Amino acid sequence: MNWILVIIAGLFEVAFAFCLGKAKETSGNEMYFWYAGFLVALCLSMGLLIKATQTLPIGTAYAVWTGIGAVGTVLVGIFIFKEPATFLRIFFITTLIGSIIGLKAVSHY
């Protein structure tokens, strides 16, 4: 169950990065809306991570959380913000996914 919390927390990490990207593109009241979304997603992400690490090893849980956030943020950048999808970016994001799976596989929880 706590690994599910880590995954959801990682998705909220992607959400707060997305909100930062949208805030950068806007101005006025809309910008503040995206910053508010950032704060909400940040609090939810951290709260879920705190809850999950009460029973999971902190090193593995944190690494998986940041990995989900990193992979998700790169994908959001490519698909939503039209960042380049070069061979090397895809290669390294793939190795990061493999590392996340490997960390989870060797975790004893």
C-alpha atoms as a PDB file:
ATOM      1  CA  MET A   1       0.000   0.000   0.000  1.00  0.00           C
ATOM      2  CA  ASN A   2       2.772   2.450   0.863  1.00  0.00           C
ATOM      3  CA  TRP A   3       4.425   1.961  -2.534  1.00  0.00           C
ATOM      4  CA  ILE A   4       1.166   3.148  -4.068  1.00  0.00           C
ATOM      5  CA  LEU A   5       1.467   6.285  -1.926  1.00  0.00           C
ATOM      6  CA  VAL A   6       4.992   6.824  -3.264  1.00  0.00           C
ATOM      7  CA  ILE A   7       3.724   6.506  -6.839  1.00  0.00           C
ATOM      8  CA  ILE A   8       0.881   8.968  -6.207  1.00  0.00           C
ATOM      9  CA  ALA A   9       3.315  11.337  -4.472  1.00  0.00           C
ATOM     10  CA  GLY A  10       5.579  11.125  -7.524  1.00  0.00           C
ATOM     11  CA  LEU A  11       2.661  12.014  -9.779  1.00  0.00           C
ATOM     12  CA  PHE A  12       1.949  15.064  -7.624  1.00  0.00           C
ATOM     13  CA  GLU A  13       5.633  15.982  -8.047  1.00  0.00           C
ATOM     14  CA  VAL A  14       5.050  15.955 -11.799  1.00  0.00           C
ATOM     15  CA  ALA A  15       1.945  18.092 -11.228  1.00  0.00           C
ATOM     16  CA  PHE A  16       3.853  20.756  -9.311  1.00  0.00           C
ATOM     17  CA  ALA A  17       6.530  20.891 -12.012  1.00  0.00           C
ATOM     18  CA  PHE A  18       3.767  21.231 -14.623  1.00  0.00           C
ATOM     19  CA  CYS A  19       2.247  24.107 -12.643  1.00  0.00           C
ATOM     20  CA  LEU A  20       5.625  25.861 -12.564  1.00  0.00           C
ATOM     21  CA  GLY A  21       5.908  25.516 -16.323  1.00  0.00           C
ATOM     22  CA  LYS A  22       2.415  26.902 -16.864  1.00  0.00           C
ATOM     23  CA  ALA A  23       3.045  29.773 -14.433  1.00  0.00           C
ATOM     24  CA  LYS A  24       6.131  30.713 -16.436  1.00  0.00           C
ATOM     25  CA  GLU A  25       4.009  30.986 -19.581  1.00  0.00           C
ATOM     26  CA  THR A  26       1.259  33.159 -18.057  1.00  0.00           C
ATOM     27  CA  SER A  27       0.870  36.469 -16.268  1.00  0.00           C
ATOM     28  CA  GLY A  28      -1.554  38.254 -13.983  1.00  0.00           C
ATOM     29  CA  ASN A  29      -4.202  36.320 -12.090  1.00  0.00           C
ATOM     30  CA  GLU A  30      -3.705  33.188 -14.176  1.00  0.00           C
ATOM     31  CA  MET A  31      -0.078  33.013 -13.046  1.00  0.00           C
ATOM     32  CA  TYR A  32      -1.186  33.078  -9.405  1.00  0.00           C
ATOM     33  CA  PHE A  33      -3.657  30.270 -10.127  1.00  0.00           C
ATOM     34  CA  TRP A  34      -0.783  28.087 -11.372  1.00  0.00           C
ATOM     35  CA  TYR A  35       1.374  29.021  -8.369  1.00  0.00           C
ATOM     36  CA  ALA A  36      -1.503  28.040  -6.065  1.00  0.00           C
ATOM     37  CA  GLY A  37      -1.737  24.714  -7.907  1.00  0.00           C
ATOM     38  CA  PHE A  38       2.009  24.321  -7.392  1.00  0.00           C
ATOM     39  CA  LEU A  39       1.647  24.793  -3.640  1.00  0.00           C
ATOM     40  CA  VAL A  40      -1.272  22.357  -3.382  1.00  0.00           C
ATOM     41  CA  ALA A  41       0.539  19.688  -5.432  1.00  0.00           C
ATOM     42  CA  LEU A  42       3.746  20.256  -3.437  1.00  0.00           C
ATOM     43  CA  CYS A  43       1.975  19.799  -0.102  1.00  0.00           C
ATOM     44  CA  LEU A  44       0.151  16.683  -1.294  1.00  0.00           C
ATOM     45  CA  SER A  45       3.337  15.199  -2.727  1.00  0.00           C
ATOM     46  CA  MET A  46       5.351  15.801   0.434  1.00  0.00           C
ATOM     47  CA  GLY A  47       2.531  14.649   2.712  1.00  0.00           C
ATOM     48  CA  LEU A  48       2.141  11.368   0.848  1.00  0.00           C
ATOM     49  CA  LEU A  49       5.898  10.817   0.824  1.00  0.00           C
ATOM     50  CA  ILE A  50       6.058  11.425   4.578  1.00  0.00           C
ATOM     51  CA  LYS A  51       3.246   8.926   5.145  1.00  0.00           C
ATOM     52  CA  ALA A  52       4.865   6.306   2.905  1.00  0.00           C
ATOM     53  CA  THR A  53       8.287   6.572   4.521  1.00  0.00           C
ATOM     54  CA  GLN A  54       6.889   5.703   7.916  1.00  0.00           C
ATOM     55  CA  THR A  55       7.198   2.042   6.894  1.00  0.00           C
ATOM     56  CA  LEU A  56       9.391   2.087   3.756  1.00  0.00           C
ATOM     57  CA  PRO A  57      13.167   2.587   3.643  1.00  0.00           C
ATOM     58  CA  ILE A  58      13.767   6.310   3.161  1.00  0.00           C
ATOM     59  CA  GLY A  59      16.583   5.907   0.641  1.00  0.00           C
ATOM     60  CA  THR A  60      14.636   3.688  -1.706  1.00  0.00           C
ATOM     61  CA  ALA A  61      11.317   5.505  -1.322  1.00  0.00           C
ATOM     62  CA  TYR A  62      12.924   8.901  -1.912  1.00  0.00           C
ATOM     63  CA  ALA A  63      14.842   7.643  -4.946  1.00  0.00           C
ATOM     64  CA  VAL A  64      11.692   6.137  -6.470  1.00  0.00           C
ATOM     65  CA  TRP A  65       9.726   9.328  -5.717  1.00  0.00           C
ATOM     66  CA  THR A  66      12.306  11.591  -7.343  1.00  0.00           C
ATOM     67  CA  GLY A  67      12.674   9.193 -10.262  1.00  0.00           C
ATOM     68  CA  ILE A  68       8.937   9.212 -10.949  1.00  0.00           C
ATOM     69  CA  GLY A  69       9.000  12.990 -10.751  1.00  0.00           C
ATOM     70  CA  ALA A  70      12.009  13.262 -13.059  1.00  0.00           C
ATOM     71  CA  VAL A  71      10.643  10.873 -15.679  1.00  0.00           C
ATOM     72  CA  GLY A  72       7.183  12.426 -15.546  1.00  0.00           C
ATOM     73  CA  THR A  73       8.529  15.954 -15.748  1.00  0.00           C
ATOM     74  CA  VAL A  74      10.672  15.135 -18.783  1.00  0.00           C
ATOM     75  CA  LEU A  75       7.658  13.533 -20.477  1.00  0.00           C
ATOM     76  CA  VAL A  76       5.478  16.556 -19.657  1.00  0.00           C
ATOM     77  CA  GLY A  77       8.211  18.763 -21.074  1.00  0.00           C
ATOM     78  CA  ILE A  78       8.302  16.764 -24.299  1.00  0.00           C
ATOM     79  CA  PHE A  79       4.580  16.274 -24.829  1.00  0.00           C
ATOM     80  CA  ILE A  80       3.087  19.465 -23.387  1.00  0.00           C
ATOM     81  CA  PHE A  81       5.836  22.096 -23.467  1.00  0.00           C
ATOM     82  CA  LYS A  82       7.277  20.856 -26.798  1.00  0.00           C
ATOM     83  CA  GLU A  83      10.818  20.318 -25.513  1.00  0.00           C
ATOM     84  CA  PRO A  84      13.093  18.302 -27.815  1.00  0.00           C
ATOM     85  CA  ALA A  85      12.908  14.497 -27.659  1.00  0.00           C
ATOM     86  CA  THR A  86      16.467  13.718 -28.672  1.00  0.00           C
ATOM     87  CA  PHE A  87      17.906  10.228 -28.732  1.00  0.00           C
ATOM     88  CA  LEU A  88      20.090  10.896 -25.685  1.00  0.00           C
ATOM     89  CA  ARG A  89      17.185  12.308 -23.642  1.00  0.00           C
ATOM     90  CA  ILE A  90      15.088   9.223 -24.394  1.00  0.00           C
ATOM     91  CA  PHE A  91      18.063   6.928 -23.737  1.00  0.00           C
ATOM     92  CA  PHE A  92      18.811   8.425 -20.324  1.00  0.00           C
ATOM     93  CA  ILE A  93      15.160   8.589 -19.277  1.00  0.00           C
ATOM     94  CA  THR A  94      14.929   4.895 -20.181  1.00  0.00           C
ATOM     95  CA  THR A  95      17.940   4.085 -18.012  1.00  0.00           C
ATOM     96  CA  LEU A  96      16.348   6.077 -15.185  1.00  0.00           C
ATOM     97  CA  ILE A  97      13.151   4.024 -15.485  1.00  0.00           C
ATOM     98  CA  GLY A  98      15.238   0.848 -15.351  1.00  0.00           C
ATOM     99  CA  SER A  99      16.975   2.120 -12.219  1.00  0.00           C
ATOM    100  CA  ILE A 100      13.658   2.907 -10.518  1.00  0.00           C
ATOM    101  CA  ILE A 101      12.368  -0.588 -11.283  1.00  0.00           C
ATOM    102  CA  GLY A 102      15.627  -2.089 -10.054  1.00  0.00           C
ATOM    103  CA  LEU A 103      15.523  -0.171  -6.760  1.00  0.00           C
ATOM    104  CA  LYS A 104      11.971  -1.272  -6.149  1.00  0.00           C
ATOM    105  CA  ALA A 105      12.844  -4.878  -7.034  1.00  0.00           C
ATOM    106  CA  VAL A 106      15.706  -5.097  -4.530  1.00  0.00           C
ATOM    107  CA  SER A 107      13.778  -3.373  -1.750  1.00  0.00           C
ATOM    108  CA  HIS A 108      12.727  -5.772   0.976  1.00  0.00           C
ATOM    109  CA  TYR A 109       9.422  -4.013   1.660  1.00  0.00           C
END
